[in-house]
């Protein structure tokens, strides 16, 4: 059983306290994992994202205390973790839509991946 949220605010403008973060994260992580299955198993993004999401989902399922859950996930307040999961869901859907694992259609310009730009 998830613990009750005792805080009144996140102290982050525009970010309200989640009433049921365990439910929200289980739902989002389930959707992310389902959508990752649309990517090839060999895709690096799929492999690493599945590892992270499965690890976080395990914490969500096994840690009812919000404060301890935040420490285990170690990515800010639980409401921030929910926003991160929402963003990851949008990202995985865009990755699938754009077939990012496929080879480039044309050769990348010289210095395409060079940083910093001189």
PDB file of N, CA and C in Angstrom:
ATOM      1  N   UNK A   1       0.833  -1.180   0.000  1.00  0.00           N
ATOM      2  CA  UNK A   1       0.000   0.000   0.000  1.00  0.00           C
ATOM      3  C   UNK A   1       0.879   1.245   0.000  1.00  0.00           C
ATOM      4  N   UNK A   2       0.584   2.173  -0.879  1.00  0.00           N
ATOM      5  CA  UNK A   2       1.368   3.394  -0.977  1.00  0.00           C
ATOM      6  C   UNK A   2       1.128   4.282   0.237  1.00  0.00           C
ATOM      7  N   UNK A   3       2.168   4.989   0.654  1.00  0.00           N
ATOM      8  CA  UNK A   3       2.013   5.882   1.796  1.00  0.00           C
ATOM      9  C   UNK A   3       1.326   7.168   1.365  1.00  0.00           C
ATOM     10  N   UNK A   4       0.667   7.787   2.314  1.00  0.00           N
ATOM     11  CA  UNK A   4      -0.025   9.043   2.048  1.00  0.00           C
ATOM     12  C   UNK A   4       0.995  10.156   1.834  1.00  0.00           C
ATOM     13  N   UNK A   5       0.633  11.083   0.959  1.00  0.00           N
ATOM     14  CA  UNK A   5       1.471  12.252   0.736  1.00  0.00           C
ATOM     15  C   UNK A   5       1.183  13.247   1.851  1.00  0.00           C
ATOM     16  N   UNK A   6       2.202  13.658   2.561  1.00  0.00           N
ATOM     17  CA  UNK A   6       2.021  14.576   3.676  1.00  0.00           C
ATOM     18  C   UNK A   6       2.385  16.007   3.321  1.00  0.00           C
ATOM     19  N   UNK A   7       3.134  16.198   2.268  1.00  0.00           N
ATOM     20  CA  UNK A   7       3.573  17.544   1.938  1.00  0.00           C
ATOM     21  C   UNK A   7       2.442  18.327   1.274  1.00  0.00           C
ATOM     22  N   UNK A   8       2.450  19.624   1.493  1.00  0.00           N
ATOM     23  CA  UNK A   8       1.411  20.491   0.941  1.00  0.00           C
ATOM     24  C   UNK A   8       1.817  21.048  -0.415  1.00  0.00           C
ATOM     25  N   UNK A   9       3.119  21.114  -0.651  1.00  0.00           N
ATOM     26  CA  UNK A   9       3.622  21.705  -1.892  1.00  0.00           C
ATOM     27  C   UNK A   9       4.946  21.064  -2.274  1.00  0.00           C
ATOM     28  N   UNK A  10       5.267  21.150  -3.562  1.00  0.00           N
ATOM     29  CA  UNK A  10       6.570  20.677  -4.022  1.00  0.00           C
ATOM     30  C   UNK A  10       7.615  21.792  -3.920  1.00  0.00           C
ATOM     31  N   UNK A  11       7.141  23.021  -3.713  1.00  0.00           N
ATOM     32  CA  UNK A  11       7.990  24.212  -3.731  1.00  0.00           C
ATOM     33  C   UNK A  11       8.604  24.450  -5.102  1.00  0.00           C
ATOM     34  N   UNK A  12       7.982  23.898  -6.134  1.00  0.00           N
ATOM     35  CA  UNK A  12       8.388  24.128  -7.516  1.00  0.00           C
ATOM     36  C   UNK A  12       7.184  24.734  -8.222  1.00  0.00           C
ATOM     37  N   UNK A  13       7.327  25.938  -8.728  1.00  0.00           N
ATOM     38  CA  UNK A  13       6.218  26.627  -9.373  1.00  0.00           C
ATOM     39  C   UNK A  13       5.611  25.776 -10.476  1.00  0.00           C
ATOM     40  N   UNK A  14       4.292  25.593 -10.392  1.00  0.00           N
ATOM     41  CA  UNK A  14       3.568  24.864 -11.415  1.00  0.00           C
ATOM     42  C   UNK A  14       3.560  23.354 -11.247  1.00  0.00           C
ATOM     43  N   UNK A  15       4.278  22.829 -10.276  1.00  0.00           N
ATOM     44  CA  UNK A  15       4.337  21.382 -10.064  1.00  0.00           C
ATOM     45  C   UNK A  15       3.572  21.037  -8.789  1.00  0.00           C
ATOM     46  N   UNK A  16       2.379  20.491  -8.976  1.00  0.00           N
ATOM     47  CA  UNK A  16       1.521  20.178  -7.830  1.00  0.00           C
ATOM     48  C   UNK A  16       1.898  18.833  -7.224  1.00  0.00           C
ATOM     49  N   UNK A  17       1.535  18.660  -5.975  1.00  0.00           N
ATOM     50  CA  UNK A  17       1.793  17.404  -5.268  1.00  0.00           C
ATOM     51  C   UNK A  17       0.944  16.308  -5.899  1.00  0.00           C
ATOM     52  N   UNK A  18       1.561  15.177  -6.182  1.00  0.00           N
ATOM     53  CA  UNK A  18       0.856  14.033  -6.753  1.00  0.00           C
ATOM     54  C   UNK A  18       0.049  13.337  -5.662  1.00  0.00           C
ATOM     55  N   UNK A  19      -1.215  13.045  -5.959  1.00  0.00           N
ATOM     56  CA  UNK A  19      -2.077  12.374  -4.982  1.00  0.00           C
ATOM     57  C   UNK A  19      -1.791  10.876  -4.904  1.00  0.00           C
ATOM     58  N   UNK A  20      -1.367  10.277  -6.007  1.00  0.00           N
ATOM     59  CA  UNK A  20      -1.073   8.841  -6.029  1.00  0.00           C
ATOM     60  C   UNK A  20       0.106   8.570  -6.966  1.00  0.00           C
ATOM     61  N   UNK A  21       1.321   8.908  -6.519  1.00  0.00           N
ATOM     62  CA  UNK A  21       2.494   8.757  -7.388  1.00  0.00           C
ATOM     63  C   UNK A  21       2.797   7.317  -7.770  1.00  0.00           C
ATOM     64  N   UNK A  22       2.529   6.373  -6.898  1.00  0.00           N
ATOM     65  CA  UNK A  22       2.778   4.969  -7.235  1.00  0.00           C
ATOM     66  C   UNK A  22       1.934   4.555  -8.429  1.00  0.00           C
ATOM     67  N   UNK A  23       0.672   4.899  -8.405  1.00  0.00           N
ATOM     68  CA  UNK A  23      -0.221   4.561  -9.520  1.00  0.00           C
ATOM     69  C   UNK A  23       0.254   5.239 -10.807  1.00  0.00           C
ATOM     70  N   UNK A  24       0.564   6.531 -10.712  1.00  0.00           N
ATOM     71  CA  UNK A  24       0.992   7.287 -11.897  1.00  0.00           C
ATOM     72  C   UNK A  24       2.253   6.687 -12.507  1.00  0.00           C
ATOM     73  N   UNK A  25       3.226   6.364 -11.672  1.00  0.00           N
ATOM     74  CA  UNK A  25       4.487   5.823 -12.184  1.00  0.00           C
ATOM     75  C   UNK A  25       4.323   4.411 -12.739  1.00  0.00           C
ATOM     76  N   UNK A  26       3.527   3.575 -12.082  1.00  0.00           N
ATOM     77  CA  UNK A  26       3.288   2.229 -12.618  1.00  0.00           C
ATOM     78  C   UNK A  26       2.635   2.312 -13.990  1.00  0.00           C
ATOM     79  N   UNK A  27       1.682   3.205 -14.127  1.00  0.00           N
ATOM     80  CA  UNK A  27       0.990   3.385 -15.405  1.00  0.00           C
ATOM     81  C   UNK A  27       1.965   3.865 -16.481  1.00  0.00           C
ATOM     82  N   UNK A  28       2.742   4.911 -16.176  1.00  0.00           N
ATOM     83  CA  UNK A  28       3.680   5.469 -17.151  1.00  0.00           C
ATOM     84  C   UNK A  28       4.785   4.476 -17.509  1.00  0.00           C
ATOM     85  N   UNK A  29       5.358   3.824 -16.507  1.00  0.00           N
ATOM     86  CA  UNK A  29       6.431   2.871 -16.778  1.00  0.00           C
ATOM     87  C   UNK A  29       5.923   1.694 -17.603  1.00  0.00           C
ATOM     88  N   UNK A  30       4.695   1.264 -17.343  1.00  0.00           N
ATOM     89  CA  UNK A  30       4.109   0.192 -18.146  1.00  0.00           C
ATOM     90  C   UNK A  30       3.962   0.595 -19.600  1.00  0.00           C
ATOM     91  N   UNK A  31       3.514   1.820 -19.835  1.00  0.00           N
ATOM     92  CA  UNK A  31       3.366   2.322 -21.208  1.00  0.00           C
ATOM     93  C   UNK A  31       4.726   2.440 -21.890  1.00  0.00           C
ATOM     94  N   UNK A  32       5.713   2.928 -21.158  1.00  0.00           N
ATOM     95  CA  UNK A  32       7.060   3.065 -21.731  1.00  0.00           C
ATOM     96  C   UNK A  32       7.589   1.692 -22.137  1.00  0.00           C
ATOM     97  N   UNK A  33       7.479   0.720 -21.251  1.00  0.00           N
ATOM     98  CA  UNK A  33       7.987  -0.622 -21.550  1.00  0.00           C
ATOM     99  C   UNK A  33       7.241  -1.244 -22.723  1.00  0.00           C
ATOM    100  N   UNK A  34       5.944  -1.027 -22.797  1.00  0.00           N
ATOM    101  CA  UNK A  34       5.157  -1.546 -23.924  1.00  0.00           C
ATOM    102  C   UNK A  34       5.613  -0.914 -25.231  1.00  0.00           C
ATOM    103  N   UNK A  35       5.804   0.407 -25.225  1.00  0.00           N
ATOM    104  CA  UNK A  35       6.212   1.097 -26.445  1.00  0.00           C
ATOM    105  C   UNK A  35       7.649   0.786 -26.839  1.00  0.00           C
ATOM    106  N   UNK A  36       8.505   0.502 -25.872  1.00  0.00           N
ATOM    107  CA  UNK A  36       9.884   0.117 -26.185  1.00  0.00           C
ATOM    108  C   UNK A  36       9.931  -1.185 -26.975  1.00  0.00           C
ATOM    109  N   UNK A  37       8.949  -2.035 -26.786  1.00  0.00           N
ATOM    110  CA  UNK A  37       8.902  -3.309 -27.513  1.00  0.00           C
ATOM    111  C   UNK A  37       8.729  -3.102 -29.020  1.00  0.00           C
ATOM    112  N   UNK A  38       8.340  -1.906 -29.425  1.00  0.00           N
ATOM    113  CA  UNK A  38       8.178  -1.595 -30.850  1.00  0.00           C
ATOM    114  C   UNK A  38       9.520  -1.309 -31.516  1.00  0.00           C
ATOM    115  N   UNK A  39      10.556  -1.096 -30.705  1.00  0.00           N
ATOM    116  CA  UNK A  39      11.893  -0.856 -31.228  1.00  0.00           C
ATOM    117  C   UNK A  39      12.638  -2.187 -31.320  1.00  0.00           C
ATOM    118  N   UNK A  40      13.578  -2.303 -32.248  1.00  0.00           N
ATOM    119  CA  UNK A  40      14.358  -3.541 -32.338  1.00  0.00           C
ATOM    120  C   UNK A  40      15.120  -3.806 -31.039  1.00  0.00           C
ATOM    121  N   UNK A  41      15.257  -5.077 -30.698  1.00  0.00           N
ATOM    122  CA  UNK A  41      15.976  -5.440 -29.474  1.00  0.00           C
ATOM    123  C   UNK A  41      17.406  -4.938 -29.476  1.00  0.00           C
ATOM    124  N   UNK A  42      18.010  -4.816 -30.648  1.00  0.00           N
ATOM    125  CA  UNK A  42      19.401  -4.382 -30.751  1.00  0.00           C
ATOM    126  C   UNK A  42      19.567  -2.867 -30.613  1.00  0.00           C
ATOM    127  N   UNK A  43      18.477  -2.115 -30.621  1.00  0.00           N
ATOM    128  CA  UNK A  43      18.570  -0.654 -30.523  1.00  0.00           C
ATOM    129  C   UNK A  43      19.094  -0.271 -29.136  1.00  0.00           C
ATOM    130  N   UNK A  44      20.168   0.502 -29.109  1.00  0.00           N
ATOM    131  CA  UNK A  44      20.799   0.889 -27.848  1.00  0.00           C
ATOM    132  C   UNK A  44      19.816   1.642 -26.947  1.00  0.00           C
ATOM    133  N   UNK A  45      19.026   2.528 -27.526  1.00  0.00           N
ATOM    134  CA  UNK A  45      18.062   3.293 -26.726  1.00  0.00           C
ATOM    135  C   UNK A  45      17.104   2.346 -26.006  1.00  0.00           C
ATOM    136  N   UNK A  46      16.629   1.333 -26.699  1.00  0.00           N
ATOM    137  CA  UNK A  46      15.704   0.375 -26.073  1.00  0.00           C
ATOM    138  C   UNK A  46      16.369  -0.337 -24.909  1.00  0.00           C
ATOM    139  N   UNK A  47      17.558  -0.852 -25.135  1.00  0.00           N
ATOM    140  CA  UNK A  47      18.248  -1.633 -24.103  1.00  0.00           C
ATOM    141  C   UNK A  47      18.468  -0.822 -22.834  1.00  0.00           C
ATOM    142  N   UNK A  48      19.042   0.353 -22.978  1.00  0.00           N
ATOM    143  CA  UNK A  48      19.378   1.149 -21.803  1.00  0.00           C
ATOM    144  C   UNK A  48      18.139   1.726 -21.129  1.00  0.00           C
ATOM    145  N   UNK A  49      17.153   2.106 -21.914  1.00  0.00           N
ATOM    146  CA  UNK A  49      15.934   2.654 -21.331  1.00  0.00           C
ATOM    147  C   UNK A  49      15.154   1.571 -20.596  1.00  0.00           C
ATOM    148  N   UNK A  50      15.083   0.373 -21.166  1.00  0.00           N
ATOM    149  CA  UNK A  50      14.420  -0.743 -20.478  1.00  0.00           C
ATOM    150  C   UNK A  50      15.085  -1.022 -19.134  1.00  0.00           C
ATOM    151  N   UNK A  51      16.404  -0.992 -19.112  1.00  0.00           N
ATOM    152  CA  UNK A  51      17.123  -1.240 -17.857  1.00  0.00           C
ATOM    153  C   UNK A  51      16.756  -0.212 -16.797  1.00  0.00           C
ATOM    154  N   UNK A  52      16.758   1.055 -17.161  1.00  0.00           N
ATOM    155  CA  UNK A  52      16.441   2.130 -16.212  1.00  0.00           C
ATOM    156  C   UNK A  52      14.989   2.024 -15.751  1.00  0.00           C
ATOM    157  N   UNK A  53      14.071   1.858 -16.686  1.00  0.00           N
ATOM    158  CA  UNK A  53      12.653   1.822 -16.348  1.00  0.00           C
ATOM    159  C   UNK A  53      12.327   0.595 -15.496  1.00  0.00           C
ATOM    160  N   UNK A  54      12.881  -0.549 -15.842  1.00  0.00           N
ATOM    161  CA  UNK A  54      12.640  -1.748 -15.024  1.00  0.00           C
ATOM    162  C   UNK A  54      13.167  -1.578 -13.611  1.00  0.00           C
ATOM    163  N   UNK A  55      14.316  -0.943 -13.465  1.00  0.00           N
ATOM    164  CA  UNK A  55      14.878  -0.693 -12.144  1.00  0.00           C
ATOM    165  C   UNK A  55      13.972   0.237 -11.338  1.00  0.00           C
ATOM    166  N   UNK A  56      13.520   1.315 -11.971  1.00  0.00           N
ATOM    167  CA  UNK A  56      12.646   2.261 -11.275  1.00  0.00           C
ATOM    168  C   UNK A  56      11.302   1.625 -10.940  1.00  0.00           C
ATOM    169  N   UNK A  57      10.762   0.840 -11.861  1.00  0.00           N
ATOM    170  CA  UNK A  57       9.486   0.177 -11.617  1.00  0.00           C
ATOM    171  C   UNK A  57       9.595  -0.780 -10.424  1.00  0.00           C
ATOM    172  N   UNK A  58      10.698  -1.461 -10.324  1.00  0.00           N
ATOM    173  CA  UNK A  58      10.908  -2.356  -9.180  1.00  0.00           C
ATOM    174  C   UNK A  58      10.884  -1.565  -7.873  1.00  0.00           C
ATOM    175  N   UNK A  59      11.537  -0.407  -7.857  1.00  0.00           N
ATOM    176  CA  UNK A  59      11.517   0.441  -6.657  1.00  0.00           C
ATOM    177  C   UNK A  59      10.092   0.883  -6.340  1.00  0.00           C
ATOM    178  N   UNK A  60       9.353   1.303  -7.360  1.00  0.00           N
ATOM    179  CA  UNK A  60       7.981   1.773  -7.156  1.00  0.00           C
ATOM    180  C   UNK A  60       7.122   0.653  -6.573  1.00  0.00           C
ATOM    181  N   UNK A  61       7.288  -0.559  -7.086  1.00  0.00           N
ATOM    182  CA  UNK A  61       6.476  -1.680  -6.627  1.00  0.00           C
ATOM    183  C   UNK A  61       6.856  -2.162  -5.228  1.00  0.00           C
ATOM    184  N   UNK A  62       8.096  -1.937  -4.824  1.00  0.00           N
ATOM    185  CA  UNK A  62       8.574  -2.484  -3.555  1.00  0.00           C
ATOM    186  C   UNK A  62       8.771  -1.467  -2.436  1.00  0.00           C
ATOM    187  N   UNK A  63       8.651  -0.176  -2.733  1.00  0.00           N
ATOM    188  CA  UNK A  63       8.882   0.838  -1.704  1.00  0.00           C
ATOM    189  C   UNK A  63       7.643   1.717  -1.536  1.00  0.00           C
ATOM    190  N   UNK A  64       6.848   1.476  -0.505  1.00  0.00           N
ATOM    191  CA  UNK A  64       5.637   2.276  -0.299  1.00  0.00           C
ATOM    192  C   UNK A  64       5.901   3.681   0.240  1.00  0.00           C
ATOM    193  N   UNK A  65       7.041   3.881   0.893  1.00  0.00           N
ATOM    194  CA  UNK A  65       7.350   5.180   1.485  1.00  0.00           C
ATOM    195  C   UNK A  65       7.902   6.124   0.419  1.00  0.00           C
ATOM    196  N   UNK A  66       7.232   7.259   0.239  1.00  0.00           N
ATOM    197  CA  UNK A  66       7.597   8.206  -0.823  1.00  0.00           C
ATOM    198  C   UNK A  66       9.006   8.760  -0.631  1.00  0.00           C
ATOM    199  N   UNK A  67       9.354   9.148   0.572  1.00  0.00           N
ATOM    200  CA  UNK A  67      10.684   9.725   0.813  1.00  0.00           C
ATOM    201  C   UNK A  67      11.788   8.717   0.477  1.00  0.00           C
ATOM    202  N   UNK A  68      11.599   7.472   0.895  1.00  0.00           N
ATOM    203  CA  UNK A  68      12.602   6.444   0.584  1.00  0.00           C
ATOM    204  C   UNK A  68      12.622   6.143  -0.911  1.00  0.00           C
ATOM    205  N   UNK A  69      11.443   6.146  -1.541  1.00  0.00           N
ATOM    206  CA  UNK A  69      11.362   5.925  -2.984  1.00  0.00           C
ATOM    207  C   UNK A  69      12.121   7.014  -3.732  1.00  0.00           C
ATOM    208  N   UNK A  70      11.944   8.265  -3.308  1.00  0.00           N
ATOM    209  CA  UNK A  70      12.680   9.368  -3.943  1.00  0.00           C
ATOM    210  C   UNK A  70      14.182   9.169  -3.813  1.00  0.00           C
ATOM    211  N   UNK A  71      14.633   8.724  -2.657  1.00  0.00           N
ATOM    212  CA  UNK A  71      16.072   8.489  -2.457  1.00  0.00           C
ATOM    213  C   UNK A  71      16.572   7.341  -3.325  1.00  0.00           C
ATOM    214  N   UNK A  72      15.784   6.299  -3.463  1.00  0.00           N
ATOM    215  CA  UNK A  72      16.206   5.143  -4.263  1.00  0.00           C
ATOM    216  C   UNK A  72      16.284   5.497  -5.743  1.00  0.00           C
ATOM    217  N   UNK A  73      15.311   6.233  -6.236  1.00  0.00           N
ATOM    218  CA  UNK A  73      15.330   6.630  -7.648  1.00  0.00           C
ATOM    219  C   UNK A  73      16.370   7.714  -7.871  1.00  0.00           C
ATOM    220  N   UNK A  74      16.523   8.616  -6.890  1.00  0.00           N
ATOM    221  CA  UNK A  74      17.571   9.638  -6.894  1.00  0.00           C
ATOM    222  C   UNK A  74      17.499  10.571  -8.103  1.00  0.00           C
ATOM    223  N   UNK A  75      16.300  11.056  -8.398  1.00  0.00           N
ATOM    224  CA  UNK A  75      16.131  12.014  -9.496  1.00  0.00           C
ATOM    225  C   UNK A  75      15.190  13.139  -9.106  1.00  0.00           C
ATOM    226  N   UNK A  76      15.238  13.546  -7.855  1.00  0.00           N
ATOM    227  CA  UNK A  76      14.399  14.647  -7.402  1.00  0.00           C
ATOM    228  C   UNK A  76      13.150  14.158  -6.693  1.00  0.00           C
ATOM    229  N   UNK A  77      12.224  15.093  -6.506  1.00  0.00           N
ATOM    230  CA  UNK A  77      10.959  14.759  -5.876  1.00  0.00           C
ATOM    231  C   UNK A  77      10.168  13.812  -6.766  1.00  0.00           C
ATOM    232  N   UNK A  78       9.266  13.059  -6.172  1.00  0.00           N
ATOM    233  CA  UNK A  78       8.512  12.064  -6.927  1.00  0.00           C
ATOM    234  C   UNK A  78       7.701  12.717  -8.049  1.00  0.00           C
ATOM    235  N   UNK A  79       7.264  13.940  -7.842  1.00  0.00           N
ATOM    236  CA  UNK A  79       6.528  14.651  -8.888  1.00  0.00           C
ATOM    237  C   UNK A  79       7.441  14.956 -10.075  1.00  0.00           C
ATOM    238  N   UNK A  80       8.704  15.234  -9.809  1.00  0.00           N
ATOM    239  CA  UNK A  80       9.666  15.440 -10.889  1.00  0.00           C
ATOM    240  C   UNK A  80       9.918  14.131 -11.634  1.00  0.00           C
ATOM    241  N   UNK A  81       9.942  13.025 -10.908  1.00  0.00           N
ATOM    242  CA  UNK A  81      10.135  11.714 -11.522  1.00  0.00           C
ATOM    243  C   UNK A  81       8.951  11.404 -12.442  1.00  0.00           C
ATOM    244  N   UNK A  82       7.748  11.787 -12.030  1.00  0.00           N
ATOM    245  CA  UNK A  82       6.563  11.587 -12.863  1.00  0.00           C
ATOM    246  C   UNK A  82       6.686  12.390 -14.151  1.00  0.00           C
ATOM    247  N   UNK A  83       7.121  13.637 -14.056  1.00  0.00           N
ATOM    248  CA  UNK A  83       7.323  14.468 -15.253  1.00  0.00           C
ATOM    249  C   UNK A  83       8.383  13.833 -16.156  1.00  0.00           C
ATOM    250  N   UNK A  84       9.464  13.331 -15.563  1.00  0.00           N
ATOM    251  CA  UNK A  84      10.505  12.656 -16.348  1.00  0.00           C
ATOM    252  C   UNK A  84       9.933  11.451 -17.080  1.00  0.00           C
ATOM    253  N   UNK A  85       9.069  10.689 -16.414  1.00  0.00           N
ATOM    254  CA  UNK A  85       8.458   9.511 -17.039  1.00  0.00           C
ATOM    255  C   UNK A  85       7.532   9.932 -18.177  1.00  0.00           C
ATOM    256  N   UNK A  86       6.789  11.009 -17.995  1.00  0.00           N
ATOM    257  CA  UNK A  86       5.920  11.514 -19.069  1.00  0.00           C
ATOM    258  C   UNK A  86       6.759  11.919 -20.272  1.00  0.00           C
ATOM    259  N   UNK A  87       7.873  12.586 -20.023  1.00  0.00           N
ATOM    260  CA  UNK A  87       8.766  13.001 -21.108  1.00  0.00           C
ATOM    261  C   UNK A  87       9.402  11.794 -21.799  1.00  0.00           C
ATOM    262  N   UNK A  88       9.773  10.783 -21.024  1.00  0.00           N
ATOM    263  CA  UNK A  88      10.365   9.580 -21.602  1.00  0.00           C
ATOM    264  C   UNK A  88       9.358   8.849 -22.483  1.00  0.00           C
ATOM    265  N   UNK A  89       8.092   8.832 -22.060  1.00  0.00           N
ATOM    266  CA  UNK A  89       7.053   8.205 -22.870  1.00  0.00           C
ATOM    267  C   UNK A  89       6.921   8.917 -24.208  1.00  0.00           C
ATOM    268  N   UNK A  90       6.929  10.251 -24.195  1.00  0.00           N
ATOM    269  CA  UNK A  90       6.873  11.000 -25.459  1.00  0.00           C
ATOM    270  C   UNK A  90       8.108  10.704 -26.304  1.00  0.00           C
ATOM    271  N   UNK A  91       9.260  10.601 -25.664  1.00  0.00           N
ATOM    272  CA  UNK A  91      10.512  10.338 -26.381  1.00  0.00           C
ATOM    273  C   UNK A  91      10.492   8.977 -27.054  1.00  0.00           C
ATOM    274  N   UNK A  92      10.096   7.938 -26.324  1.00  0.00           N
ATOM    275  CA  UNK A  92      10.106   6.594 -26.914  1.00  0.00           C
ATOM    276  C   UNK A  92       9.131   6.510 -28.082  1.00  0.00           C
ATOM    277  N   UNK A  93       8.029   7.211 -27.980  1.00  0.00           N
ATOM    278  CA  UNK A  93       7.071   7.209 -29.093  1.00  0.00           C
ATOM    279  C   UNK A  93       7.636   7.917 -30.312  1.00  0.00           C
ATOM    280  N   UNK A  94       8.391   8.989 -30.081  1.00  0.00           N
ATOM    281  CA  UNK A  94       9.034   9.684 -31.206  1.00  0.00           C
ATOM    282  C   UNK A  94      10.149   8.839 -31.808  1.00  0.00           C
ATOM    283  N   UNK A  95      10.869   8.138 -30.964  1.00  0.00           N
ATOM    284  CA  UNK A  95      11.935   7.257 -31.456  1.00  0.00           C
ATOM    285  C   UNK A  95      11.348   6.193 -32.375  1.00  0.00           C
ATOM    286  N   UNK A  96      10.231   5.590 -31.948  1.00  0.00           N
ATOM    287  CA  UNK A  96       9.584   4.550 -32.751  1.00  0.00           C
ATOM    288  C   UNK A  96       9.044   5.134 -34.055  1.00  0.00           C
ATOM    289  N   UNK A  97       8.458   6.300 -33.977  1.00  0.00           N
ATOM    290  CA  UNK A  97       7.880   6.945 -35.151  1.00  0.00           C
ATOM    291  C   UNK A  97       8.950   7.278 -36.187  1.00  0.00           C
ATOM    292  N   UNK A  98      10.112   7.706 -35.719  1.00  0.00           N
ATOM    293  CA  UNK A  98      11.174   8.156 -36.621  1.00  0.00           C
ATOM    294  C   UNK A  98      12.197   7.085 -36.970  1.00  0.00           C
ATOM    295  N   UNK A  99      12.032   5.885 -36.448  1.00  0.00           N
ATOM    296  CA  UNK A  99      12.936   4.763 -36.761  1.00  0.00           C
ATOM    297  C   UNK A  99      14.401   5.168 -36.599  1.00  0.00           C
ATOM    298  N   UNK A 100      14.724   5.714 -35.452  1.00  0.00           N
ATOM    299  CA  UNK A 100      16.068   6.255 -35.228  1.00  0.00           C
ATOM    300  C   UNK A 100      17.177   5.204 -35.275  1.00  0.00           C
ATOM    301  N   UNK A 101      16.837   3.943 -35.212  1.00  0.00           N
ATOM    302  CA  UNK A 101      17.838   2.878 -35.244  1.00  0.00           C
ATOM    303  C   UNK A 101      18.312   2.569 -36.658  1.00  0.00           C
ATOM    304  N   UNK A 102      17.597   3.077 -37.652  1.00  0.00           N
ATOM    305  CA  UNK A 102      17.959   2.793 -39.038  1.00  0.00           C
ATOM    306  C   UNK A 102      19.173   3.618 -39.452  1.00  0.00           C
ATOM    307  N   UNK A 103      19.926   3.147 -40.447  1.00  0.00           N
ATOM    308  CA  UNK A 103      21.095   3.904 -40.905  1.00  0.00           C
ATOM    309  C   UNK A 103      20.682   5.254 -41.490  1.00  0.00           C
ATOM    310  N   UNK A 104      21.608   6.184 -41.474  1.00  0.00           N
ATOM    311  CA  UNK A 104      21.355   7.502 -42.061  1.00  0.00           C
ATOM    312  C   UNK A 104      21.076   7.363 -43.557  1.00  0.00           C
ATOM    313  N   UNK A 105      20.203   8.196 -44.072  1.00  0.00           N
ATOM    314  CA  UNK A 105      19.876   8.193 -45.503  1.00  0.00           C
ATOM    315  C   UNK A 105      21.067   8.716 -46.306  1.00  0.00           C
ATOM    316  N   UNK A 106      21.756   9.694 -45.739  1.00  0.00           N
ATOM    317  CA  UNK A 106      22.937  10.278 -46.391  1.00  0.00           C
ATOM    318  C   UNK A 106      24.034  10.417 -45.335  1.00  0.00           C
ATOM    319  N   UNK A 107      25.234  10.559 -45.800  1.00  0.00           N
ATOM    320  CA  UNK A 107      26.376  10.745 -44.901  1.00  0.00           C
ATOM    321  C   UNK A 107      26.192  12.015 -44.076  1.00  0.00           C
ATOM    322  N   UNK A 108      26.487  11.948 -42.794  1.00  0.00           N
ATOM    323  CA  UNK A 108      26.392  13.123 -41.933  1.00  0.00           C
ATOM    324  C   UNK A 108      27.451  14.142 -42.334  1.00  0.00           C
ATOM    325  N   UNK A 109      27.130  15.442 -42.226  1.00  0.00           N
ATOM    326  CA  UNK A 109      28.125  16.466 -42.556  1.00  0.00           C
ATOM    327  C   UNK A 109      29.372  16.338 -41.675  1.00  0.00           C
ATOM    328  N   UNK A 110      30.490  16.783 -42.193  1.00  0.00           N
ATOM    329  CA  UNK A 110      31.737  16.769 -41.421  1.00  0.00           C
ATOM    330  C   UNK A 110      31.525  17.542 -40.126  1.00  0.00           C
ATOM    331  N   UNK A 111      32.089  17.047 -39.050  1.00  0.00           N
ATOM    332  CA  UNK A 111      31.993  17.671 -37.727  1.00  0.00           C
ATOM    333  C   UNK A 111      30.573  17.714 -37.169  1.00  0.00           C
ATOM    334  N   UNK A 112      29.686  16.885 -37.693  1.00  0.00           N
ATOM    335  CA  UNK A 112      28.303  16.842 -37.215  1.00  0.00           C
ATOM    336  C   UNK A 112      28.245  16.599 -35.712  1.00  0.00           C
ATOM    337  N   UNK A 113      29.096  15.708 -35.226  1.00  0.00           N
ATOM    338  CA  UNK A 113      29.011  15.317 -33.828  1.00  0.00           C
ATOM    339  C   UNK A 113      30.124  15.931 -32.985  1.00  0.00           C
ATOM    340  N   UNK A 114      30.806  16.941 -33.528  1.00  0.00           N
ATOM    341  CA  UNK A 114      31.908  17.574 -32.801  1.00  0.00           C
ATOM    342  C   UNK A 114      31.347  18.593 -31.805  1.00  0.00           C
ATOM    343  N   UNK A 115      31.928  18.562 -30.605  1.00  0.00           N
ATOM    344  CA  UNK A 115      31.529  19.513 -29.581  1.00  0.00           C
ATOM    345  C   UNK A 115      32.757  19.883 -28.780  1.00  0.00           C
ATOM    346  N   UNK A 116      32.980  21.082 -28.403  1.00  0.00           N
ATOM    347  CA  UNK A 116      32.159  22.251 -28.718  1.00  0.00           C
ATOM    348  C   UNK A 116      32.397  22.728 -30.145  1.00  0.00           C
ATOM    349  N   UNK A 117      31.451  23.466 -30.610  1.00  0.00           N
ATOM    350  CA  UNK A 117      31.571  24.019 -31.956  1.00  0.00           C
ATOM    351  C   UNK A 117      32.591  25.148 -31.912  1.00  0.00           C
ATOM    352  N   UNK A 118      33.583  25.066 -32.771  1.00  0.00           N
ATOM    353  CA  UNK A 118      34.667  26.069 -32.747  1.00  0.00           C
ATOM    354  C   UNK A 118      34.299  27.304 -33.529  1.00  0.00           C
TER     355      UNK A 118
END
